[in-house]
Each structure stands twice: as structure tokens, then as C-alpha cells.
């Protein structure tokens, strides 16, 4: 490969990156899309929808993002699991009856 070809590939990579960052961004974009759809479908009436972007789901390998609240005490973990259990109970109440089997003809 000549120096000219290498320079072309480097310029192309600046315009359209090749590699793991791009793969991470694709996954983050999909995660953001799924969460936004779920938030719209199951949001409580009167509450403001939280819209996410792909950058919200990008991994922070350098530690540049602001410090997130870390769960460190057993009480924090217990309250987290209680919240998850409470949300599961609400979901079960939404389902009125199980689906019926189709009759064979």
C-alpha cells in the first residue's frame, strides 16, 4: 500500500469510522430506539416522556461522563429489587386473561 492510499483510507475513516466505536454506536442506537418505544407504549398518562439518544447508551471507557450514582449499600440494592418486584406486579394486573389455544379442525 502506498502512502497516498494510506492517507485516503485515513481520510475515509474520519468521515465514516470503521471499527468498534461504530459497532458500539449501532448497538446504542438500537437500545435507545427500543427504550423509547417501550416508554411510549407503557408510559403513565400525565407523565412526561423521557426520550433517550444513542449517546446515552454508549460505553464510557475513558471515564469522561459525569459520575453516575452507584449502588453500594445493601439497603440501596434491596430498594432496587423492591422497585423491580412492584413493577412486575403491576404488569401482571394488566393482563386480564391468558391466551386461549386454537381448536384443531
Protein backbone atom coordinates (compact mmCIF):
# COMPACT_ATOMS: atom_id res chain seq x y z
CA UNK A 1 0.00 0.00 0.00
CA UNK A 2 1.39 3.39 -0.92
CA UNK A 3 1.45 6.41 1.34
CA UNK A 4 -1.22 8.02 -0.83
CA UNK A 5 -3.57 5.04 -0.40
CA UNK A 6 -2.99 5.05 3.37
CA UNK A 7 -3.85 8.76 3.50
CA UNK A 8 -7.07 8.06 1.56
CA UNK A 9 -8.10 5.33 4.00
CA UNK A 10 -7.34 7.58 6.97
CA UNK A 11 -9.48 10.34 5.45
CA UNK A 12 -12.28 7.87 4.76
CA UNK A 13 -12.09 6.63 8.36
CA UNK A 14 -12.51 10.19 9.64
CA UNK A 15 -15.67 10.62 7.56
CA UNK A 16 -17.17 7.17 8.20
CA UNK A 17 -15.39 5.46 11.12
CA UNK A 18 -14.56 1.79 10.88
CA UNK A 19 -14.24 -0.34 13.98
CA UNK A 20 -15.53 -0.87 17.48
CA UNK A 21 -16.82 2.67 18.14
CA UNK A 22 -19.13 2.37 15.16
CA UNK A 23 -20.35 -1.05 16.32
CA UNK A 24 -20.97 0.30 19.82
CA UNK A 25 -22.89 3.22 18.34
CA UNK A 26 -25.10 0.90 16.27
CA UNK A 27 -25.97 -1.13 19.37
CA UNK A 28 -26.60 2.02 21.40
CA UNK A 29 -28.89 3.36 18.69
CA UNK A 30 -30.94 0.17 18.75
CA UNK A 31 -31.15 0.18 22.55
CA UNK A 32 -32.30 3.80 22.52
CA UNK A 33 -34.96 3.04 19.92
CA UNK A 34 -36.33 0.08 21.88
CA UNK A 35 -36.44 2.03 25.15
CA UNK A 36 -38.19 5.00 23.53
CA UNK A 37 -40.84 2.71 22.02
CA UNK A 38 -41.43 0.92 25.34
CA UNK A 39 -41.64 4.26 27.16
CA UNK A 40 -44.28 5.48 24.72
CA UNK A 41 -46.33 2.29 24.93
CA UNK A 42 -46.31 1.87 28.71
CA UNK A 43 -45.97 5.44 29.99
CA UNK A 44 -48.46 6.54 32.61
CA UNK A 45 -50.85 9.26 31.48
CA UNK A 46 -49.84 12.73 32.54
CA UNK A 47 -46.16 11.89 32.95
CA UNK A 48 -43.55 13.49 30.74
CA UNK A 49 -41.84 11.01 28.42
CA UNK A 50 -38.10 10.66 28.78
CA UNK A 51 -36.56 10.47 25.31
CA UNK A 52 -33.13 8.88 25.09
CA UNK A 53 -30.44 9.17 22.45
CA UNK A 54 -27.83 6.69 21.31
CA UNK A 55 -25.15 8.59 23.21
CA UNK A 56 -26.95 7.74 26.47
CA UNK A 57 -26.06 4.08 25.88
CA UNK A 58 -22.50 4.45 24.63
CA UNK A 59 -19.88 2.81 26.85
CA UNK A 60 -17.65 5.22 28.75
CA UNK A 61 -14.22 3.62 28.56
CA UNK A 62 -12.37 6.86 29.30
CA UNK A 63 -14.45 7.94 32.32
CA UNK A 64 -15.33 11.30 30.77
CA UNK A 65 -19.06 11.08 31.56
CA UNK A 66 -20.38 12.51 34.77
CA UNK A 67 -20.33 10.22 37.79
CA UNK A 68 -23.44 8.10 37.94
CA UNK A 69 -25.00 7.13 41.22
CA UNK A 70 -23.51 3.80 42.19
CA UNK A 71 -25.43 1.29 44.29
CA UNK A 72 -23.12 0.46 47.12
CA UNK A 73 -25.11 -0.36 50.24
CA UNK A 74 -27.31 -3.40 50.85
CA UNK A 75 -30.24 -1.05 51.53
CA UNK A 76 -29.84 0.51 48.07
CA UNK A 77 -29.81 -2.92 46.45
CA UNK A 78 -32.87 -4.02 48.44
CA UNK A 79 -34.82 -0.91 47.42
CA UNK A 80 -33.84 -1.52 43.78
CA UNK A 81 -35.18 -5.09 43.87
CA UNK A 82 -38.37 -3.97 45.65
CA UNK A 83 -38.96 -1.47 42.87
CA UNK A 84 -38.49 -4.16 40.23
CA UNK A 85 -40.87 -6.51 42.07
CA UNK A 86 -43.50 -3.78 42.37
CA UNK A 87 -43.34 -3.04 38.65
CA UNK A 88 -43.75 -6.77 37.86
CA UNK A 89 -46.90 -6.96 40.00
CA UNK A 90 -48.40 -4.05 38.05
CA UNK A 91 -47.65 -5.79 34.74
CA UNK A 92 -49.43 -8.95 35.89
CA UNK A 93 -52.54 -6.92 36.76
CA UNK A 94 -52.67 -5.51 33.21
CA UNK A 95 -53.12 -8.96 31.67
CA UNK A 96 -56.78 -9.86 32.05
CA UNK A 97 -56.75 -13.45 30.86
CA UNK A 98 -54.27 -15.85 29.29
CA UNK A 99 -54.49 -16.51 25.57
CA UNK A 100 -56.65 -19.46 24.56
CA UNK A 101 -55.47 -22.35 22.42
CA UNK A 102 -56.82 -22.58 18.90
CA UNK A 103 -59.12 -25.52 18.32
CA UNK A 104 -57.96 -28.08 15.77
CA UNK A 105 -60.27 -28.53 12.81
